[in-house]
Every structure is written in structure tokens, then in C-alpha cells.
Protein backbone atom coordinates (compact mmCIF):
# COMPACT_ATOMS: atom_id res chain seq x y z
CA MET A 1 -201.14 209.12 131.57
CA GLU A 2 -201.94 210.28 135.10
CA ASN A 3 -199.85 212.88 136.83
CA GLN A 4 -199.37 211.46 140.33
CA ARG A 5 -198.22 214.86 141.63
CA ILE A 6 -201.58 216.55 141.10
CA ARG A 7 -203.17 217.26 144.48
CA ASP A 8 -206.83 217.72 145.45
CA PHE A 9 -206.85 220.39 148.17
CA THR A 10 -210.58 220.07 148.92
CA GLU A 11 -209.87 217.14 151.23
CA GLY A 12 -207.17 216.33 153.77
CA ASN A 13 -205.05 218.18 156.33
CA ILE A 14 -204.69 221.88 155.49
CA PRO A 15 -201.39 222.72 157.26
CA ARG A 16 -199.86 219.64 155.66
CA HIS A 17 -201.15 220.73 152.24
CA LEU A 18 -199.70 224.20 152.79
CA MET A 19 -196.29 222.96 153.84
CA VAL A 20 -195.99 220.17 151.28
CA PHE A 21 -197.11 222.48 148.47
CA ALA A 22 -195.22 225.59 149.61
CA LEU A 23 -191.87 223.91 150.32
CA PRO A 24 -191.04 223.06 146.67
CA MET A 25 -192.12 226.59 145.68
CA LEU A 26 -189.90 228.05 148.39
CA LEU A 27 -186.97 226.01 147.12
CA GLY A 28 -187.87 227.03 143.57
CA ASN A 29 -188.02 230.72 144.52
CA LEU A 30 -184.66 230.39 146.24
CA LEU A 31 -183.18 228.84 143.11
CA GLN A 32 -184.75 231.47 140.87
CA ALA A 33 -183.37 234.25 143.04
CA LEU A 34 -179.97 232.59 142.78
CA TYR A 35 -179.96 233.48 139.06
CA ASN A 36 -179.45 237.15 139.81
CA THR A 37 -177.83 236.70 143.21
CA VAL A 38 -175.05 234.53 141.81
CA ASP A 39 -174.52 237.17 139.12
CA SER A 40 -174.23 239.83 141.82
CA ILE A 41 -171.83 237.77 143.95
CA TRP A 42 -169.43 237.16 141.06
CA VAL A 43 -169.71 240.72 139.78
CA GLY A 44 -169.56 242.44 143.16
CA ARG A 45 -166.69 240.38 144.58
CA PHE A 46 -164.48 240.35 141.47
CA LEU A 47 -165.46 243.28 139.23
CA GLY A 48 -166.02 245.90 141.95
CA PRO A 49 -168.77 248.15 143.41
CA ASP A 50 -169.49 249.97 140.14
CA ALA A 51 -170.15 246.69 138.33
CA LEU A 52 -172.39 245.53 141.20
CA ALA A 53 -174.32 248.80 140.98
CA ALA A 54 -174.66 248.37 137.19
CA VAL A 55 -176.23 244.92 137.65
CA SER A 56 -178.49 246.06 140.52
CA VAL A 57 -179.81 249.34 139.15
CA GLY A 58 -181.75 247.76 136.27
CA PHE A 59 -183.93 245.39 138.29
CA PRO A 60 -186.71 247.89 139.00
CA ILE A 61 -186.90 248.49 135.23
CA ILE A 62 -187.09 244.74 134.54
CA PHE A 63 -189.83 244.41 137.14
CA ALA A 64 -191.73 247.36 135.68
CA LEU A 65 -191.68 245.94 132.13
CA VAL A 66 -192.70 242.40 133.06
CA ALA A 67 -195.11 243.15 135.93
CA LEU A 68 -198.27 243.64 133.90
CA ILE A 69 -197.71 240.46 131.92
CA MET A 70 -197.04 238.44 135.07
CA GLY A 71 -200.65 239.13 136.05
CA VAL A 72 -201.60 236.72 133.26
CA THR A 73 -199.66 233.93 134.99
CA MET A 74 -201.48 234.70 138.23
CA ALA A 75 -204.79 234.46 136.38
CA THR A 76 -203.68 231.13 134.91
CA THR A 77 -203.18 229.64 138.38
CA VAL A 78 -206.55 231.01 139.53
CA LEU A 79 -208.45 229.61 136.54
CA VAL A 80 -206.72 226.22 136.51
CA SER A 81 -207.22 225.73 140.26
CA GLN A 82 -210.89 226.72 140.12
CA TYR A 83 -211.68 224.61 137.04
CA PHE A 84 -209.87 221.69 138.64
CA GLY A 85 -211.78 222.17 141.91
CA ALA A 86 -215.04 222.38 139.94
CA HIS A 87 -214.17 219.14 138.03
CA GLN A 88 -214.10 220.81 134.59
CA PRO A 89 -211.03 219.30 132.84
CA ASP A 90 -212.03 220.62 129.41
CA GLN A 91 -211.64 224.16 130.74
CA VAL A 92 -208.26 223.24 132.19
CA VAL A 93 -207.08 222.25 128.70
CA ARG A 94 -208.28 225.47 127.12
CA THR A 95 -206.71 227.58 129.85
CA VAL A 96 -203.31 225.90 129.46
CA ASN A 97 -203.14 226.31 125.67
CA ASN A 98 -204.48 229.84 125.69
CA SER A 99 -202.22 231.10 128.47
CA LEU A 100 -199.03 229.74 126.91
CA LEU A 101 -199.74 231.26 123.51
CA LEU A 102 -200.82 234.57 125.04
CA LEU A 103 -197.69 234.84 127.17
CA ALA A 104 -195.40 233.99 124.25
CA VAL A 105 -196.87 236.85 122.18
CA LEU A 106 -196.87 239.36 125.03
CA GLY A 107 -193.39 238.34 126.13
CA ALA A 108 -191.98 239.03 122.67
CA ALA A 109 -193.56 242.49 122.65
CA VAL A 110 -192.24 243.39 126.11
CA SER A 111 -188.78 242.06 125.27
CA ALA A 112 -188.58 244.25 122.17
CA ALA A 113 -189.78 247.32 124.07
CA GLY A 114 -187.28 246.75 126.86
CA ILE A 115 -184.34 246.38 124.50
CA VAL A 116 -185.22 249.59 122.65
CA LEU A 117 -186.04 251.71 125.72
CA ARG A 118 -183.49 250.45 128.24
CA ARG A 119 -181.07 253.39 128.11
CA PRO A 120 -183.73 256.16 128.28
CA LEU A 121 -185.32 254.34 131.23
CA LEU A 122 -182.00 254.10 133.04
CA ALA A 123 -181.46 257.81 132.50
CA LEU A 124 -185.00 258.51 133.74
CA ILE A 125 -184.25 256.96 137.14
CA ASN A 126 -181.06 259.02 137.60
CA THR A 127 -178.61 256.16 137.02
CA PRO A 128 -175.10 257.48 137.86
CA PRO A 129 -173.12 258.27 134.66
CA GLU A 130 -170.22 256.01 135.63
CA ILE A 131 -172.38 252.86 135.50
CA ILE A 132 -174.97 253.62 132.82
CA ASP A 133 -173.05 251.98 129.93
CA ALA A 134 -172.55 248.72 131.81
CA ALA A 135 -176.15 248.77 133.06
CA THR A 136 -177.42 249.30 129.51
CA ALA A 137 -175.41 246.35 128.22
CA TYR A 138 -176.62 244.06 131.04
CA LEU A 139 -180.27 245.01 130.50
CA GLY A 140 -180.13 244.50 126.74
CA ILE A 141 -179.02 240.88 127.05
CA PHE A 142 -181.31 240.14 130.01
CA MET A 143 -184.36 241.48 128.15
CA SER A 144 -183.71 239.11 125.25
CA GLY A 145 -184.61 236.22 127.56
CA LEU A 146 -188.07 237.39 128.60
CA VAL A 147 -190.03 235.02 126.33
CA PRO A 148 -188.58 231.83 127.86
CA MET A 149 -188.89 233.43 131.30
CA PHE A 150 -192.62 234.04 130.74
CA LEU A 151 -193.17 230.55 129.32
CA TYR A 152 -191.45 228.88 132.26
CA ASN A 153 -193.56 230.87 134.70
CA ALA A 154 -196.72 230.04 132.74
CA ALA A 155 -195.97 226.31 132.87
CA GLY A 156 -195.30 226.64 136.58
CA ALA A 157 -198.58 228.50 137.06
CA VAL A 158 -200.48 225.66 135.38
CA LEU A 159 -198.86 223.00 137.53
CA ARG A 160 -199.39 225.01 140.73
CA GLY A 161 -203.08 225.36 139.92
CA LEU A 162 -203.21 221.56 139.72
CA GLY A 163 -201.45 221.16 143.06
CA ASP A 164 -198.06 220.17 141.60
CA SER A 165 -195.26 222.38 142.91
CA ARG A 166 -192.50 219.74 142.71
CA THR A 167 -192.08 219.43 138.95
CA PRO A 168 -191.20 223.10 138.24
CA LEU A 169 -188.62 222.87 141.04
CA LYS A 170 -186.82 219.99 139.34
CA PHE A 171 -186.32 221.87 136.07
CA LEU A 172 -185.37 225.07 137.85
CA ALA A 173 -182.71 223.18 139.82
CA TYR A 174 -181.12 221.98 136.56
CA ALA A 175 -181.13 225.49 135.15
CA THR A 176 -179.72 227.09 138.31
CA GLY A 177 -176.83 224.66 138.33
CA LEU A 178 -176.15 225.61 134.72
CA ASN A 179 -176.21 229.30 135.63
CA ILE A 180 -173.71 228.77 138.45
CA VAL A 181 -171.36 227.00 136.05
CA LEU A 182 -171.74 229.50 133.21
CA ASP A 183 -171.30 232.68 135.29
CA PRO A 184 -167.52 232.48 135.83
CA VAL A 185 -167.01 231.02 132.35
CA LEU A 186 -168.74 233.94 130.59
CA ILE A 187 -167.83 236.73 133.03
CA PHE A 188 -164.09 236.02 133.12
CA GLY A 189 -163.65 234.22 129.79
CA LEU A 190 -162.55 230.71 130.72
CA GLY A 191 -161.47 228.25 128.03
CA PRO A 192 -162.51 229.26 124.50
CA PHE A 193 -164.99 231.90 125.72
CA PRO A 194 -164.11 235.62 125.73
CA ALA A 195 -164.32 237.66 128.93
CA MET A 196 -167.70 239.46 128.82
CA GLY A 197 -167.92 241.06 132.28
CA VAL A 198 -171.47 242.06 133.23
CA ARG A 199 -172.66 241.00 129.76
CA GLY A 200 -171.54 237.46 130.57
CA ALA A 201 -173.57 237.48 133.78
CA ALA A 202 -176.70 238.44 131.83
CA LEU A 203 -176.05 235.86 129.10
CA ALA A 204 -175.60 233.07 131.68
CA THR A 205 -179.00 233.94 133.17
CA VAL A 206 -180.71 233.95 129.76
CA ILE A 207 -179.27 230.54 128.82
CA ALA A 208 -180.31 229.08 132.17
CA VAL A 209 -183.88 230.37 132.05
CA THR A 210 -184.22 229.09 128.48
CA VAL A 211 -183.25 225.60 129.64
CA SER A 212 -185.88 225.72 132.41
CA ALA A 213 -188.55 226.89 129.95
CA VAL A 214 -187.85 224.17 127.36
CA SER A 215 -187.73 221.48 130.05
CA SER A 216 -191.01 222.51 131.70
CA LEU A 217 -192.87 222.82 128.40
CA ARG A 218 -191.65 219.43 127.25
CA TYR A 219 -192.89 217.92 130.51
CA LEU A 220 -196.24 219.65 130.24
CA TYR A 221 -196.96 218.57 126.66
CA VAL A 222 -195.00 215.37 126.15
CA THR A 223 -194.34 213.56 129.42
CA SER A 224 -197.07 214.30 131.94
CA GLY A 225 -200.23 213.70 129.92
CA ILE A 226 -201.79 216.86 131.37
CA VAL A 227 -202.20 218.17 127.84
CA SER A 228 -201.29 216.40 124.59
CA TYR A 229 -200.36 218.61 121.68
CA ARG A 230 -202.15 218.23 118.37
CA PRO A 231 -202.35 220.62 115.36
CA GLY A 232 -204.86 223.43 115.75
CA THR A 233 -204.75 223.67 119.56
CA PHE A 234 -202.54 226.77 119.53
CA ARG A 235 -205.00 229.54 118.80
CA LEU A 236 -206.32 232.28 121.03
CA ASP A 237 -209.68 231.66 122.66
CA TRP A 238 -211.00 235.21 122.87
CA ASP A 239 -213.62 234.53 125.55
CA LEU A 240 -211.03 232.87 127.75
CA THR A 241 -208.52 235.62 126.95
CA ARG A 242 -211.00 238.26 128.15
CA LEU A 243 -211.59 236.30 131.36
CA THR A 244 -207.85 235.91 131.84
CA PHE A 245 -207.35 239.65 131.43
CA ARG A 246 -210.28 240.44 133.73
CA ILE A 247 -208.57 238.53 136.50
CA GLY A 248 -204.98 239.12 135.47
CA LEU A 249 -204.91 242.80 134.52
CA PRO A 250 -205.72 244.13 138.02
CA ALA A 251 -203.08 241.76 139.42
CA GLY A 252 -200.70 242.97 136.71
CA PHE A 253 -201.49 246.62 137.40
CA GLN A 254 -200.82 245.90 141.06
CA GLN A 255 -197.35 244.66 140.09
CA VAL A 256 -196.90 247.73 137.86
CA LEU A 257 -197.74 249.98 140.81
CA ILE A 258 -195.18 248.10 142.90
CA SER A 259 -192.51 248.26 140.21
CA LEU A 260 -193.08 251.91 139.34
CA SER A 261 -192.90 252.83 143.02
CA ALA A 262 -189.63 250.87 143.16
CA LEU A 263 -188.38 252.87 140.19
CA VAL A 264 -189.27 256.16 141.88
CA VAL A 265 -187.77 255.08 145.19
CA SER A 266 -184.65 253.91 143.34
CA SER A 267 -184.37 257.34 141.74
CA PHE A 268 -184.31 258.85 145.26
CA VAL A 269 -181.57 256.40 146.26
CA ASN A 270 -179.57 256.98 143.07
CA ARG A 271 -179.15 260.67 143.96
CA PHE A 272 -176.83 259.62 146.80
CA GLY A 273 -174.21 258.02 144.52
CA ALA A 274 -172.90 254.65 143.39
CA THR A 275 -171.83 253.49 146.88
CA VAL A 276 -175.34 253.87 148.28
CA VAL A 277 -176.79 252.25 145.15
CA ALA A 278 -174.48 249.25 145.62
CA GLY A 279 -175.40 248.98 149.31
CA PHE A 280 -179.10 249.16 148.48
CA GLY A 281 -178.66 246.58 145.72
CA ALA A 282 -176.95 244.15 148.10
CA ALA A 283 -179.62 244.71 150.78
CA ALA A 284 -182.37 244.19 148.20
CA ARG A 285 -180.99 240.71 147.51
CA LEU A 286 -181.88 239.78 151.08
CA ASP A 287 -185.38 241.16 150.46
CA GLN A 288 -185.85 238.42 147.88
CA PHE A 289 -184.92 235.73 150.39
CA ALA A 290 -186.76 237.30 153.34
CA PHE A 291 -190.03 237.38 151.40
CA MET A 292 -189.68 233.95 149.84
CA PRO A 293 -191.28 231.88 152.61
CA SER A 294 -194.30 234.20 152.75
CA MET A 295 -194.51 234.47 148.94
CA SER A 296 -194.45 230.68 148.67
CA VAL A 297 -197.12 230.31 151.33
CA GLY A 298 -199.17 233.01 149.57
CA LEU A 299 -199.02 231.11 146.29
CA ALA A 300 -200.03 227.94 148.11
CA VAL A 301 -202.94 229.83 149.66
CA SER A 302 -204.14 230.86 146.19
CA ALA A 303 -204.19 227.26 144.98
CA LEU A 304 -205.95 225.99 148.12
CA VAL A 305 -208.48 228.83 148.15
CA GLY A 306 -209.19 228.47 144.41
CA GLN A 307 -209.96 224.75 144.66
CA ASN A 308 -211.95 224.99 147.91
CA LEU A 309 -214.03 228.00 146.87
CA ALA A 310 -214.97 226.25 143.63
CA ALA A 311 -215.92 223.18 145.70
CA GLY A 312 -218.02 225.26 148.13
CA ARG A 313 -215.71 224.58 151.12
CA ILE A 314 -215.53 228.05 152.73
CA ASP A 315 -214.69 226.48 156.10
CA ARG A 316 -211.44 225.16 154.64
CA VAL A 317 -210.68 228.60 153.18
CA HIS A 318 -210.77 230.24 156.63
CA GLU A 319 -208.64 227.48 158.12
CA THR A 320 -206.15 227.97 155.28
CA VAL A 321 -205.82 231.67 156.18
CA LYS A 322 -205.22 230.91 159.85
CA TRP A 323 -202.38 228.49 159.13
CA ALA A 324 -200.88 230.72 156.43
CA VAL A 325 -200.63 233.66 158.86
CA LEU A 326 -198.95 231.49 161.50
CA LEU A 327 -196.45 230.00 159.08
CA SER A 328 -195.57 233.21 157.22
CA GLY A 329 -195.35 235.42 160.28
CA GLY A 330 -193.27 232.99 162.32
CA ILE A 331 -190.68 232.28 159.65
CA THR A 332 -190.31 235.92 158.62
CA LEU A 333 -189.90 237.10 162.21
CA MET A 334 -186.70 235.05 162.50
CA VAL A 335 -185.34 236.58 159.28
CA SER A 336 -186.21 240.07 160.56
CA LEU A 337 -184.27 239.57 163.80
CA LEU A 338 -181.22 238.32 161.93
CA ALA A 339 -181.38 241.23 159.45
CA PHE A 340 -181.59 243.77 162.27
CA PHE A 341 -178.86 242.41 164.53
CA ARG A 342 -176.40 240.99 161.96
CA PRO A 343 -176.92 242.66 158.57
CA ASP A 344 -173.21 242.30 157.80
CA LEU A 345 -173.66 238.54 157.37
CA PHE A 346 -175.69 239.19 154.23
CA ILE A 347 -173.86 242.15 152.75
CA LEU A 348 -170.50 240.34 152.99
CA LEU A 349 -171.75 237.85 150.41
CA PHE A 350 -171.55 240.58 147.78
CA THR A 351 -168.73 242.88 148.74
CA ARG A 352 -166.00 243.62 151.27
CA ASP A 353 -165.97 247.33 150.47
CA GLN A 354 -166.40 249.00 153.87
CA ALA A 355 -168.46 251.93 152.57
CA VAL A 356 -170.89 249.59 150.81
CA LEU A 357 -171.08 247.37 153.93
CA LEU A 358 -172.00 250.39 156.02
CA GLU A 359 -174.74 251.63 153.68
CA GLY A 360 -176.17 248.15 153.13
CA GLY A 361 -176.28 247.49 156.88
CA ARG A 362 -178.09 250.77 157.59
CA CYS A 363 -180.64 249.89 154.93
CA LEU A 364 -181.27 246.36 156.27
CA ARG A 365 -181.78 247.52 159.86
CA HIS A 366 -184.66 249.69 158.68
CA LEU A 367 -186.14 247.13 156.29
CA ALA A 368 -186.20 244.45 159.00
CA PHE A 369 -189.27 246.19 160.47
CA ALA A 370 -191.18 245.73 157.20
CA TYR A 371 -190.75 241.99 156.74
CA VAL A 372 -193.46 240.61 159.06
CA PRO A 373 -196.32 242.89 157.89
CA LEU A 374 -195.32 242.20 154.29
CA ALA A 375 -195.43 238.46 154.99
CA LEU A 376 -198.96 238.73 156.33
CA MET A 377 -199.94 240.83 153.31
CA PHE A 378 -198.79 238.02 151.00
CA ALA A 379 -201.07 235.59 152.87
CA MET A 380 -204.10 237.89 152.60
CA ALA A 381 -203.38 238.66 148.95
CA GLY A 382 -203.22 234.92 148.28
CA VAL A 383 -206.80 234.54 149.49
CA LEU A 384 -208.15 237.27 147.22
CA ARG A 385 -206.09 236.05 144.27
CA GLY A 386 -207.38 232.49 144.73
CA ALA A 387 -210.93 233.82 144.69
CA GLY A 388 -210.25 235.77 141.49
CA ASP A 389 -210.87 239.07 143.31
CA THR A 390 -207.86 241.02 142.08
CA ILE A 391 -209.16 244.62 142.07
CA PRO A 392 -209.05 245.34 145.85
CA PRO A 393 -205.36 244.31 146.13
CA MET A 394 -204.59 246.77 143.34
CA PHE A 395 -206.20 249.64 145.29
CA ILE A 396 -204.55 248.57 148.54
CA THR A 397 -201.19 248.65 146.76
CA LEU A 398 -202.00 252.09 145.35
CA VAL A 399 -202.65 253.46 148.83
CA SER A 400 -199.74 251.83 150.67
CA LEU A 401 -197.15 252.67 148.02
CA TRP A 402 -198.29 255.81 146.23
CA VAL A 403 -200.14 257.55 149.03
CA VAL A 404 -197.72 256.54 151.80
CA ARG A 405 -194.33 255.18 150.67
CA VAL A 406 -193.38 257.38 147.71
CA PRO A 407 -194.43 260.77 149.16
CA LEU A 408 -192.91 259.90 152.54
CA ALA A 409 -189.64 258.77 150.96
CA SER A 410 -189.46 261.94 148.88
CA TYR A 411 -190.08 264.18 151.88
CA LEU A 412 -187.85 262.45 154.43
CA SER A 413 -184.92 261.95 152.04
CA SER A 414 -184.93 265.69 151.35
CA LEU A 415 -184.37 266.46 155.05
CA PRO A 416 -180.70 266.76 156.08
CA ALA A 417 -181.48 264.93 159.33
CA PHE A 418 -182.57 261.82 157.39
CA GLY A 419 -180.89 261.80 153.98
CA VAL A 420 -181.10 258.37 152.37
CA ALA A 421 -182.31 256.91 155.70
CA GLY A 422 -185.58 258.69 154.95
CA VAL A 423 -186.09 256.28 152.04
CA TRP A 424 -185.46 253.27 154.29
CA THR A 425 -187.92 254.63 156.87
CA ALA A 426 -190.68 255.10 154.30
CA ILE A 427 -190.20 251.54 153.01
CA ALA A 428 -190.51 250.20 156.56
CA VAL A 429 -193.67 252.15 157.43
CA SER A 430 -195.89 251.53 154.38
CA PRO A 431 -196.59 247.77 154.83
CA TYR A 432 -198.47 248.43 158.07
CA VAL A 433 -200.99 250.52 156.16
CA GLY A 434 -201.44 247.83 153.51
CA LEU A 435 -201.88 245.05 156.07
CA THR A 436 -204.63 246.98 157.85
CA LEU A 437 -206.55 247.47 154.60
CA TYR A 438 -206.19 243.78 153.63
CA PHE A 439 -207.52 242.64 156.99
CA LEU A 440 -210.57 244.93 156.80
CA TYR A 441 -211.47 243.73 153.30
CA TYR A 442 -210.96 240.08 154.21
CA GLN A 443 -213.32 240.53 157.17
CA SER A 444 -216.00 241.97 154.84
CA GLY A 445 -216.27 238.62 153.01
CA ARG A 446 -217.01 240.25 149.63
CA TRP A 447 -214.26 238.29 147.92
CA GLN A 448 -216.27 235.07 148.28
CA ALA A 449 -218.67 236.13 145.50
CA LYS A 450 -215.90 236.48 142.87
CA VAL A 451 -215.29 232.77 142.19
CA VAL A 452 -215.40 231.92 138.45
CA ALA A 453 -216.24 228.18 138.54
CA ARG A 454 -218.41 226.22 140.98
CA ARG A 455 -218.70 222.46 141.28
CA GLU A 456 -222.05 220.97 140.33
CA PRO A 457 -223.50 218.72 143.07
CA GLU A 458 -223.48 215.68 140.76
CA ALA A 459 -219.93 216.26 139.42
CA GLU A 460 -217.62 213.28 139.85
CA PRO A 461 -213.98 213.89 140.83
CA PRO A 462 -211.57 213.20 137.96
CA PRO A 463 -209.63 209.97 138.62
CA GLY A 464 -206.57 211.45 136.95
CA LEU A 465 -206.57 214.76 135.16
CA GLY A 466 -204.14 213.61 132.48
CA SER A 467 -206.41 210.86 131.18
CA ARG A 468 -209.49 213.07 131.37
CA VAL A 469 -207.80 215.88 129.47
CA GLU A 470 -206.64 213.58 126.67
CA CYS A 471 -210.22 212.36 126.28
CA VAL A 472 -211.45 215.94 126.06
CA GLU A 473 -208.86 216.80 123.38
CA ARG A 474 -209.71 213.77 121.25
CA ALA A 475 -213.38 214.69 121.46
């Protein structure tokens, strides 16, 4: 069976490819963010600021525990897109099977570690005593859903590498609707269900992400014809695993550096009390939405760059970068202006507490200055990720966060003249350093030599990857 949604990015109009491919991912990212945002809206508006802080404070820990593993999903997209661009469907099959099994095993290990270590980690980041019990309960349930979360993201990574960003969106939409329905039922105890408070918010998210994982895997293996399951296909290919880790581990370490810096910065914020934590948590929800257009374009860039580099079309790679910068920068500039001039519009979604509104608004006015350079960083990172060159982004992240942001936040927040505003200032300044380093490395052109697969001159384009893959498996 052919998958009609698979797209060949080595031909055709690049801005159209970017927009058509990025739009479903943008909608998907919006829906995925709604998982936790809907939780926060229900909890913040009806259970109070302390409950909102309890839900918000654990997200840097979640990010820290899953970040390294998420590098494997990035590597999956890189390998699938390059093998597809090089017309090597047998390697696409092996990458899909290997990545799913690998992520299932690693997800189980991370889930167990997170459940066991959640309370010590919350204490490590100076979580206020009045919210630590609720935060521990929320994290424990949330961590139990990491395996389906990883599997859904792995299936999405495969489909994105093949140019299909619409199918993951469909399953995520179903799951998000389920989450919206389950949140009030489990939080407040409607019908036969007991009132679970913040535990109910976490359980609703876990059920929803499990539905999206099962749906996407069923599509991948049963419906689409991309890969057909048969006994014996689920075993680790150690050569491919090493290649996946070679590409994915630097990307994962980059995410670890980001998440650990977020943990440290959160510990600075947590010293100023639950009201500031709640304001920061509400402001951080806008961060998710402000970055989504540029993140979606960055993921689209990776898929386009991966296919075109493997096909030897460097001219199309440079054109992709030009259009990605224009799209990401323009969209994010509008969000920045709105965040600076009317931050209350966003914070009111989560709370009407005047003290939290004030702190959240102060935070957003500072963060608005960071959004555009961060958007351009996502575009540049997408190029290097698509090429499989994941080490330089790791070092750029190290410099911008650990040489600039964390020390500056520590110093400024200790000054009475700044207080917690010193943290917001440091967050706003550091992206400009990272963007400068990305631009210099992109101009060097060294990333072009990192491509894993190259199309042979005599290679014929696959008429439909699904039918070609089934032939490979039967062979």
C-alpha cells in the first residue's frame, strides 16, 4: 500500500514545502502543549495558585529526564529523511524497527528512574515546602506515561522524515480532545470517578498520550504499509543503534544542557516563593506557544535539508534556510510584541490572582526580547540536525546557557536592585549569543560533510515507499 502523504522534498517549491509540512506540525505542537496547558488552566483557575505552582514546578525535571532520550527521536528523523532522499528503502525499514524498540526500552528505564527520584529532585531545586507533596504526586503519575510518550514521538519522527506531518496531527487531535474531557472528570470527580485534584490532571494526560501512541503505531504498522510487522523484526540492530546514538546523543546532551539550565534557573526563581513560581509557570506556558511556529519550521527544515543533502541538492538547502528565517522571524516578532504590550491577556488564562498576574506580566515583558533570536536559532539548528551534524549545536548551547545565562541569572538575581527580574534579564540576553555562534558555523559550511547517506547517480526514485518497504521485508 502506498502512503500518499509521503513527500519528496528534493523537487518542487521550497516555501510551499515548508509551509505545508510545518503547518500540521505547528497544529500538532499546539495540541501537544494543550495537554499540560489545559491541566494548568483547570488547576490554576479552580484549585488555586499553590496547585498551579505544584503542576508547573516539575516540568524542568520532566524535561531533564526525557531530554537525552529525545535525541534518539531526532536521529530517527535525520536517518529516515536521508535514507529516503538517497532512495534506500531497506534502511528506512531497519531504522523504523530499531528506533521504536530502542525508545521503548529507554523509556521504561527513564520512567522508573523518574518515579523513584522525583521527590529528591524536587527538593534539589528548592521546591517550596507547601507544594512539594502535590508536586511529587503529579510527577509520579506523569512519569508513568513516558513509554507511550516516547513511542508516539518516535512514530511521528518516522513520518516526518518521510515528509508526512499530517498523520501524527490526526491522532494527536483525538488524544487532546480526550484530555480536555477527562481533566474536569478526574480533577473534580464527576460521575463515578473520585476527585483526584492534581493527580487527576496527570492521569488525564497519561491516558491521552497513550491513546495517541497506540493510534500512531497501529497506523504505522497496520494501515499505512510503510512497514509491515512480521515475527523477528523487533530486535536491536547494533550497527544502526551506534549510528543512531552518534547522531542522537549530542542532540540529546544538548537537550540535557537546556533542561539542566532550566532546573538551575528554576531553583533561582523558587527562592522568591510560590507566587513568583506560579507567575513564572504561567508565563512559561506562553513560551511553549511563542516558540511553536519556529520549532515547527525548524523541524521542517531538518526534513528538507536531510532529503536534499542526501540527493546532492545544496542549492535547495540554502534556499530552505532563507525561507525558514523569514517565516520564523516574522511570525515570532508578532508574538513578541503582543507579549510585551499585553502580557495580561495570557496570564489571565491561568489565574485571576493579582499578585500572580503582576509577576507573570513582569516575566513576559522581559522574555519577549528573547523570542525572535530563539526563533532564528531553531531554523539554524534545523539545518545542522538535518545534516546529522549534532555536535556543534551542543557546544553552542553549552556557551549560551552555561557560560552566559546561568551565571548571569545567579549574579543579577542576587542584587537587590534586580531580584527575580535578574533571572528574566539573563534569559532574554543569552539567545543573542547563541544566534551569533550558529550563524558563524553555518557560514563555515562544515556541516555539509556530515551527511550519512548519499544518492547514487543511477538510483531510481521509489514509486511508493510502502510497496518498496514491503518488498524489502519479504526478501
